[in-house]
Amino acid sequence: VAQKFPDILFAKVDIEAEPELAADFNIRSI
């Protein structure tokens, strides 16, 4: 889907590598 919309930014957060970022957004399920 990211390839179909080059005008939009698609990003990924690895919760293992970025636990603080996951906590900032209260990520409980993935």
PDB file of all heavy atoms in Angstrom:
ATOM      1  N   VAL A   1       0.837  -1.203   0.000  1.00  0.00           N
ATOM      2  CA  VAL A   1       0.000   0.000   0.000  1.00  0.00           C
ATOM      3  C   VAL A   1       0.871   1.252   0.000  1.00  0.00           C
ATOM      4  O   VAL A   1       0.554   2.232  -0.674  1.00  0.00           O
ATOM      5  CB  VAL A   1      -0.994  -0.029   1.178  1.00  0.00           C
ATOM      6  CG1 VAL A   1      -1.758   1.291   1.291  1.00  0.00           C
ATOM      7  CG2 VAL A   1      -1.982  -1.190   1.014  1.00  0.00           C
ATOM      8  N   ALA A   2       1.979   1.220   0.715  1.00  0.00           N
ATOM      9  CA  ALA A   2       2.901   2.365   0.728  1.00  0.00           C
ATOM     10  C   ALA A   2       3.379   2.691  -0.685  1.00  0.00           C
ATOM     11  O   ALA A   2       3.514   3.869  -1.044  1.00  0.00           O
ATOM     12  CB  ALA A   2       4.086   2.073   1.646  1.00  0.00           C
ATOM     13  N   GLN A   3       3.620   1.662  -1.484  1.00  0.00           N
ATOM     14  CA  GLN A   3       4.066   1.878  -2.866  1.00  0.00           C
ATOM     15  C   GLN A   3       2.993   2.571  -3.710  1.00  0.00           C
ATOM     16  O   GLN A   3       3.314   3.310  -4.641  1.00  0.00           O
ATOM     17  CB  GLN A   3       4.446   0.535  -3.512  1.00  0.00           C
ATOM     18  CG  GLN A   3       5.635  -0.140  -2.882  1.00  0.00           C
ATOM     19  CD  GLN A   3       6.920   0.651  -3.017  1.00  0.00           C
ATOM     20  OE1 GLN A   3       7.153   1.314  -4.020  1.00  0.00           O
ATOM     21  NE2 GLN A   3       7.762   0.588  -2.004  1.00  0.00           N
ATOM     22  N   LYS A   4       1.726   2.356  -3.383  1.00  0.00           N
ATOM     23  CA  LYS A   4       0.623   2.955  -4.145  1.00  0.00           C
ATOM     24  C   LYS A   4       0.419   4.434  -3.824  1.00  0.00           C
ATOM     25  O   LYS A   4      -0.245   5.140  -4.570  1.00  0.00           O
ATOM     26  CB  LYS A   4      -0.688   2.211  -3.857  1.00  0.00           C
ATOM     27  CG  LYS A   4      -0.731   0.803  -4.390  1.00  0.00           C
ATOM     28  CD  LYS A   4      -2.067   0.155  -4.048  1.00  0.00           C
ATOM     29  CE  LYS A   4      -2.102  -1.286  -4.437  1.00  0.00           C
ATOM     30  NZ  LYS A   4      -2.631  -1.508  -5.764  1.00  0.00           N
ATOM     31  N   PHE A   5       0.962   4.882  -2.678  1.00  0.00           N
ATOM     32  CA  PHE A   5       0.748   6.255  -2.234  1.00  0.00           C
ATOM     33  C   PHE A   5       2.093   6.926  -1.924  1.00  0.00           C
ATOM     34  O   PHE A   5       2.430   7.172  -0.766  1.00  0.00           O
ATOM     35  CB  PHE A   5      -0.152   6.276  -0.984  1.00  0.00           C
ATOM     36  CG  PHE A   5      -1.544   5.786  -1.245  1.00  0.00           C
ATOM     37  CD1 PHE A   5      -1.882   4.463  -1.005  1.00  0.00           C
ATOM     38  CD2 PHE A   5      -2.514   6.646  -1.744  1.00  0.00           C
ATOM     39  CE1 PHE A   5      -3.166   4.004  -1.247  1.00  0.00           C
ATOM     40  CE2 PHE A   5      -3.802   6.192  -1.996  1.00  0.00           C
ATOM     41  CZ  PHE A   5      -4.131   4.875  -1.750  1.00  0.00           C
ATOM     42  N   PRO A   6       2.862   7.268  -2.964  1.00  0.00           N
ATOM     43  CA  PRO A   6       4.189   7.854  -2.736  1.00  0.00           C
ATOM     44  C   PRO A   6       4.137   9.249  -2.118  1.00  0.00           C
ATOM     45  O   PRO A   6       5.149   9.747  -1.628  1.00  0.00           O
ATOM     46  CB  PRO A   6       4.808   7.888  -4.134  1.00  0.00           C
ATOM     47  CG  PRO A   6       3.649   7.866  -5.070  1.00  0.00           C
ATOM     48  CD  PRO A   6       2.564   7.095  -4.383  1.00  0.00           C
ATOM     49  N   ASP A   7       2.958   9.869  -2.105  1.00  0.00           N
ATOM     50  CA  ASP A   7       2.810  11.209  -1.531  1.00  0.00           C
ATOM     51  C   ASP A   7       2.590  11.181  -0.019  1.00  0.00           C
ATOM     52  O   ASP A   7       2.515  12.230   0.618  1.00  0.00           O
ATOM     53  CB  ASP A   7       1.657  11.946  -2.216  1.00  0.00           C
ATOM     54  CG  ASP A   7       0.338  11.194  -2.120  1.00  0.00           C
ATOM     55  OD1 ASP A   7       0.352   9.945  -2.189  1.00  0.00           O
ATOM     56  OD2 ASP A   7      -0.719  11.845  -1.998  1.00  0.00           O
ATOM     57  N   ILE A   8       2.470   9.989   0.551  1.00  0.00           N
ATOM     58  CA  ILE A   8       2.220   9.836   1.982  1.00  0.00           C
ATOM     59  C   ILE A   8       3.393   9.090   2.602  1.00  0.00           C
ATOM     60  O   ILE A   8       3.940   8.162   2.004  1.00  0.00           O
ATOM     61  CB  ILE A   8       0.910   9.053   2.214  1.00  0.00           C
ATOM     62  CG1 ILE A   8      -0.265   9.872   1.674  1.00  0.00           C
ATOM     63  CG2 ILE A   8       0.712   8.743   3.698  1.00  0.00           C
ATOM     64  CD1 ILE A   8      -1.556   9.127   1.669  1.00  0.00           C
ATOM     65  N   LEU A   9       3.744   9.480   3.819  1.00  0.00           N
ATOM     66  CA  LEU A   9       4.839   8.813   4.508  1.00  0.00           C
ATOM     67  C   LEU A   9       4.313   7.616   5.296  1.00  0.00           C
ATOM     68  O   LEU A   9       3.399   7.757   6.109  1.00  0.00           O
ATOM     69  CB  LEU A   9       5.558   9.770   5.456  1.00  0.00           C
ATOM     70  CG  LEU A   9       6.758   9.149   6.148  1.00  0.00           C
ATOM     71  CD1 LEU A   9       7.867   8.858   5.155  1.00  0.00           C
ATOM     72  CD2 LEU A   9       7.255  10.028   7.250  1.00  0.00           C
ATOM     73  N   PHE A  10       4.881   6.466   5.030  1.00  0.00           N
ATOM     74  CA  PHE A  10       4.589   5.240   5.772  1.00  0.00           C
ATOM     75  C   PHE A  10       5.829   4.909   6.583  1.00  0.00           C
ATOM     76  O   PHE A  10       6.926   4.813   6.036  1.00  0.00           O
ATOM     77  CB  PHE A  10       4.256   4.084   4.822  1.00  0.00           C
ATOM     78  CG  PHE A  10       2.897   4.184   4.194  1.00  0.00           C
ATOM     79  CD1 PHE A  10       2.673   5.054   3.130  1.00  0.00           C
ATOM     80  CD2 PHE A  10       1.851   3.429   4.672  1.00  0.00           C
ATOM     81  CE1 PHE A  10       1.415   5.153   2.553  1.00  0.00           C
ATOM     82  CE2 PHE A  10       0.590   3.516   4.096  1.00  0.00           C
ATOM     83  CZ  PHE A  10       0.375   4.384   3.042  1.00  0.00           C
ATOM     84  N   ALA A  11       5.643   4.757   7.883  1.00  0.00           N
ATOM     85  CA  ALA A  11       6.767   4.514   8.779  1.00  0.00           C
ATOM     86  C   ALA A  11       6.482   3.303   9.653  1.00  0.00           C
ATOM     87  O   ALA A  11       5.338   2.877   9.797  1.00  0.00           O
ATOM     88  CB  ALA A  11       7.003   5.742   9.647  1.00  0.00           C
ATOM     89  N   LYS A  12       7.561   2.761  10.222  1.00  0.00           N
ATOM     90  CA  LYS A  12       7.452   1.601  11.099  1.00  0.00           C
ATOM     91  C   LYS A  12       8.238   1.870  12.379  1.00  0.00           C
ATOM     92  O   LYS A  12       9.293   2.478  12.330  1.00  0.00           O
ATOM     93  CB  LYS A  12       7.991   0.345  10.418  1.00  0.00           C
ATOM     94  CG  LYS A  12       7.184  -0.063   9.183  1.00  0.00           C
ATOM     95  CD  LYS A  12       7.758  -1.244   8.468  1.00  0.00           C
ATOM     96  CE  LYS A  12       7.497  -2.547   9.122  1.00  0.00           C
ATOM     97  NZ  LYS A  12       6.153  -3.069   9.115  1.00  0.00           N
ATOM     98  N   VAL A  13       7.683   1.403  13.500  1.00  0.00           N
ATOM     99  CA  VAL A  13       8.370   1.490  14.784  1.00  0.00           C
ATOM    100  C   VAL A  13       8.522   0.077  15.325  1.00  0.00           C
ATOM    101  O   VAL A  13       7.524  -0.591  15.608  1.00  0.00           O
ATOM    102  CB  VAL A  13       7.595   2.355  15.802  1.00  0.00           C
ATOM    103  CG1 VAL A  13       8.283   2.325  17.161  1.00  0.00           C
ATOM    104  CG2 VAL A  13       7.443   3.782  15.300  1.00  0.00           C
ATOM    105  N   ASP A  14       9.752  -0.375  15.452  1.00  0.00           N
ATOM    106  CA  ASP A  14      10.053  -1.659  16.070  1.00  0.00           C
ATOM    107  C   ASP A  14       9.986  -1.436  17.582  1.00  0.00           C
ATOM    108  O   ASP A  14      10.842  -0.759  18.148  1.00  0.00           O
ATOM    109  CB  ASP A  14      11.442  -2.128  15.641  1.00  0.00           C
ATOM    110  CG  ASP A  14      11.860  -3.443  16.261  1.00  0.00           C
ATOM    111  OD1 ASP A  14      11.177  -3.939  17.189  1.00  0.00           O
ATOM    112  OD2 ASP A  14      12.886  -3.984  15.836  1.00  0.00           O
ATOM    113  N   ILE A  15       8.959  -2.002  18.225  1.00  0.00           N
ATOM    114  CA  ILE A  15       8.764  -1.731  19.650  1.00  0.00           C
ATOM    115  C   ILE A  15       9.870  -2.310  20.524  1.00  0.00           C
ATOM    116  O   ILE A  15      10.069  -1.868  21.652  1.00  0.00           O
ATOM    117  CB  ILE A  15       7.384  -2.201  20.149  1.00  0.00           C
ATOM    118  CG1 ILE A  15       7.250  -3.715  20.067  1.00  0.00           C
ATOM    119  CG2 ILE A  15       6.274  -1.488  19.393  1.00  0.00           C
ATOM    120  CD1 ILE A  15       6.097  -4.268  20.866  1.00  0.00           C
ATOM    121  N   GLU A  16      10.602  -3.293  20.021  1.00  0.00           N
ATOM    122  CA  GLU A  16      11.731  -3.849  20.771  1.00  0.00           C
ATOM    123  C   GLU A  16      12.899  -2.865  20.769  1.00  0.00           C
ATOM    124  O   GLU A  16      13.580  -2.692  21.775  1.00  0.00           O
ATOM    125  CB  GLU A  16      12.173  -5.188  20.173  1.00  0.00           C
ATOM    126  CG  GLU A  16      11.151  -6.292  20.328  1.00  0.00           C
ATOM    127  CD  GLU A  16      10.969  -6.730  21.770  1.00  0.00           C
ATOM    128  OE1 GLU A  16      11.976  -6.939  22.475  1.00  0.00           O
ATOM    129  OE2 GLU A  16       9.806  -6.847  22.199  1.00  0.00           O
ATOM    130  N   ALA A  17      13.124  -2.220  19.641  1.00  0.00           N
ATOM    131  CA  ALA A  17      14.223  -1.260  19.514  1.00  0.00           C
ATOM    132  C   ALA A  17      13.850   0.115  20.070  1.00  0.00           C
ATOM    133  O   ALA A  17      14.723   0.877  20.473  1.00  0.00           O
ATOM    134  CB  ALA A  17      14.632  -1.127  18.051  1.00  0.00           C
ATOM    135  N   GLU A  18      12.553   0.429  20.086  1.00  0.00           N
ATOM    136  CA  GLU A  18      12.075   1.746  20.507  1.00  0.00           C
ATOM    137  C   GLU A  18      10.984   1.629  21.576  1.00  0.00           C
ATOM    138  O   GLU A  18       9.854   2.077  21.383  1.00  0.00           O
ATOM    139  CB  GLU A  18      11.544   2.519  19.298  1.00  0.00           C
ATOM    140  CG  GLU A  18      12.562   2.787  18.221  1.00  0.00           C
ATOM    141  CD  GLU A  18      13.671   3.727  18.681  1.00  0.00           C
ATOM    142  OE1 GLU A  18      13.424   4.582  19.561  1.00  0.00           O
ATOM    143  OE2 GLU A  18      14.789   3.610  18.149  1.00  0.00           O
ATOM    144  N   PRO A  19      11.300   1.048  22.733  1.00  0.00           N
ATOM    145  CA  PRO A  19      10.260   0.866  23.761  1.00  0.00           C
ATOM    146  C   PRO A  19       9.705   2.187  24.296  1.00  0.00           C
ATOM    147  O   PRO A  19       8.521   2.257  24.656  1.00  0.00           O
ATOM    148  CB  PRO A  19      10.970   0.073  24.859  1.00  0.00           C
ATOM    149  CG  PRO A  19      12.425   0.334  24.660  1.00  0.00           C
ATOM    150  CD  PRO A  19      12.593   0.524  23.177  1.00  0.00           C
ATOM    151  N   GLU A  20      10.522   3.238  24.326  1.00  0.00           N
ATOM    152  CA  GLU A  20      10.032   4.530  24.823  1.00  0.00           C
ATOM    153  C   GLU A  20       8.970   5.103  23.895  1.00  0.00           C
ATOM    154  O   GLU A  20       7.966   5.656  24.344  1.00  0.00           O
ATOM    155  CB  GLU A  20      11.182   5.535  24.976  1.00  0.00           C
ATOM    156  CG  GLU A  20      12.252   5.121  25.951  1.00  0.00           C
ATOM    157  CD  GLU A  20      13.362   4.291  25.294  1.00  0.00           C
ATOM    158  OE1 GLU A  20      13.386   4.164  24.037  1.00  0.00           O
ATOM    159  OE2 GLU A  20      14.186   3.742  26.034  1.00  0.00           O
ATOM    160  N   LEU A  21       9.187   4.959  22.607  1.00  0.00           N
ATOM    161  CA  LEU A  21       8.226   5.457  21.627  1.00  0.00           C
ATOM    162  C   LEU A  21       6.919   4.670  21.718  1.00  0.00           C
ATOM    163  O   LEU A  21       5.830   5.252  21.673  1.00  0.00           O
ATOM    164  CB  LEU A  21       8.824   5.371  20.215  1.00  0.00           C
ATOM    165  CG  LEU A  21       8.275   6.272  19.137  1.00  0.00           C
ATOM    166  CD1 LEU A  21       8.167   7.722  19.574  1.00  0.00           C
ATOM    167  CD2 LEU A  21       9.131   6.172  17.897  1.00  0.00           C
ATOM    168  N   ALA A  22       7.032   3.374  21.889  1.00  0.00           N
ATOM    169  CA  ALA A  22       5.834   2.543  22.073  1.00  0.00           C
ATOM    170  C   ALA A  22       5.092   2.956  23.350  1.00  0.00           C
ATOM    171  O   ALA A  22       3.860   3.042  23.363  1.00  0.00           O
ATOM    172  CB  ALA A  22       6.207   1.072  22.118  1.00  0.00           C
ATOM    173  N   ALA A  23       5.834   3.243  24.397  1.00  0.00           N
ATOM    174  CA  ALA A  23       5.215   3.670  25.656  1.00  0.00           C
ATOM    175  C   ALA A  23       4.552   5.037  25.510  1.00  0.00           C
ATOM    176  O   ALA A  23       3.473   5.272  26.073  1.00  0.00           O
ATOM    177  CB  ALA A  23       6.260   3.698  26.766  1.00  0.00           C
ATOM    178  N   ASP A  24       5.163   5.927  24.743  1.00  0.00           N
ATOM    179  CA  ASP A  24       4.591   7.261  24.528  1.00  0.00           C
ATOM    180  C   ASP A  24       3.191   7.170  23.934  1.00  0.00           C
ATOM    181  O   ASP A  24       2.344   8.025  24.203  1.00  0.00           O
ATOM    182  CB  ASP A  24       5.472   8.090  23.587  1.00  0.00           C
ATOM    183  CG  ASP A  24       6.761   8.553  24.226  1.00  0.00           C
ATOM    184  OD1 ASP A  24       6.906   8.449  25.468  1.00  0.00           O
ATOM    185  OD2 ASP A  24       7.655   9.010  23.471  1.00  0.00           O
ATOM    186  N   PHE A  25       2.950   6.156  23.115  1.00  0.00           N
ATOM    187  CA  PHE A  25       1.647   5.979  22.470  1.00  0.00           C
ATOM    188  C   PHE A  25       0.819   4.875  23.113  1.00  0.00           C
ATOM    189  O   PHE A  25      -0.193   4.458  22.554  1.00  0.00           O
ATOM    190  CB  PHE A  25       1.835   5.735  20.961  1.00  0.00           C
ATOM    191  CG  PHE A  25       2.241   6.978  20.240  1.00  0.00           C
ATOM    192  CD1 PHE A  25       3.577   7.249  19.991  1.00  0.00           C
ATOM    193  CD2 PHE A  25       1.289   7.913  19.844  1.00  0.00           C
ATOM    194  CE1 PHE A  25       3.973   8.410  19.354  1.00  0.00           C
ATOM    195  CE2 PHE A  25       1.673   9.079  19.205  1.00  0.00           C
ATOM    196  CZ  PHE A  25       3.012   9.334  18.954  1.00  0.00           C
ATOM    197  N   ASN A  26       1.275   4.406  24.282  1.00  0.00           N
ATOM    198  CA  ASN A  26       0.535   3.406  25.055  1.00  0.00           C
ATOM    199  C   ASN A  26       0.211   2.163  24.217  1.00  0.00           C
ATOM    200  O   ASN A  26      -0.908   1.657  24.249  1.00  0.00           O
ATOM    201  CB  ASN A  26      -0.738   4.033  25.638  1.00  0.00           C
ATOM    202  CG  ASN A  26      -1.271   3.251  26.812  1.00  0.00           C
ATOM    203  OD1 ASN A  26      -0.510   2.596  27.525  1.00  0.00           O
ATOM    204  ND2 ASN A  26      -2.570   3.313  27.016  1.00  0.00           N
ATOM    205  N   ILE A  27       1.193   1.695  23.463  1.00  0.00           N
ATOM    206  CA  ILE A  27       1.001   0.528  22.613  1.00  0.00           C
ATOM    207  C   ILE A  27       0.949  -0.717  23.492  1.00  0.00           C
ATOM    208  O   ILE A  27       1.892  -1.028  24.205  1.00  0.00           O
ATOM    209  CB  ILE A  27       2.137   0.402  21.566  1.00  0.00           C
ATOM    210  CG1 ILE A  27       2.230   1.668  20.712  1.00  0.00           C
ATOM    211  CG2 ILE A  27       1.960  -0.848  20.712  1.00  0.00           C
ATOM    212  CD1 ILE A  27       0.982   2.033  19.935  1.00  0.00           C
ATOM    213  N   ARG A  28      -0.169  -1.426  23.446  1.00  0.00           N
ATOM    214  CA  ARG A  28      -0.368  -2.633  24.249  1.00  0.00           C
ATOM    215  C   ARG A  28      -0.567  -3.878  23.390  1.00  0.00           C
ATOM    216  O   ARG A  28      -0.374  -4.986  23.857  1.00  0.00           O
ATOM    217  CB  ARG A  28      -1.573  -2.471  25.179  1.00  0.00           C
ATOM    218  CG  ARG A  28      -1.428  -1.343  26.168  1.00  0.00           C
ATOM    219  CD  ARG A  28      -0.507  -1.748  27.310  1.00  0.00           C
ATOM    220  NE  ARG A  28      -0.360  -0.671  28.263  1.00  0.00           N
ATOM    221  CZ  ARG A  28       0.755  -0.002  28.450  1.00  0.00           C
ATOM    222  NH1 ARG A  28       1.830  -0.272  27.739  1.00  0.00           N
ATOM    223  NH2 ARG A  28       0.825   0.959  29.342  1.00  0.00           N
ATOM    224  N   SER A  29      -0.979  -3.681  22.143  1.00  0.00           N
ATOM    225  CA  SER A  29      -1.196  -4.787  21.210  1.00  0.00           C
ATOM    226  C   SER A  29      -0.580  -4.403  19.872  1.00  0.00           C
ATOM    227  O   SER A  29      -0.641  -3.242  19.470  1.00  0.00           O
ATOM    228  CB  SER A  29      -2.691  -5.039  21.000  1.00  0.00           C
ATOM    229  OG  SER A  29      -3.308  -5.421  22.201  1.00  0.00           O
ATOM    230  N   ILE A  30      -0.008  -5.396  19.216  1.00  0.00           N
ATOM    231  CA  ILE A  30       0.578  -5.162  17.898  1.00  0.00           C
ATOM    232  C   ILE A  30       0.111  -6.241  16.936  1.00  0.00           C
ATOM    233  O   ILE A  30      -0.251  -7.332  17.389  1.00  0.00           O
ATOM    234  CB  ILE A  30       2.124  -5.090  17.957  1.00  0.00           C
ATOM    235  CG1 ILE A  30       2.705  -6.321  18.654  1.00  0.00           C
ATOM    236  CG2 ILE A  30       2.584  -3.814  18.610  1.00  0.00           C
ATOM    237  CD1 ILE A  30       4.215  -6.402  18.622  1.00  0.00           C
TER     238      ILE A  30
END
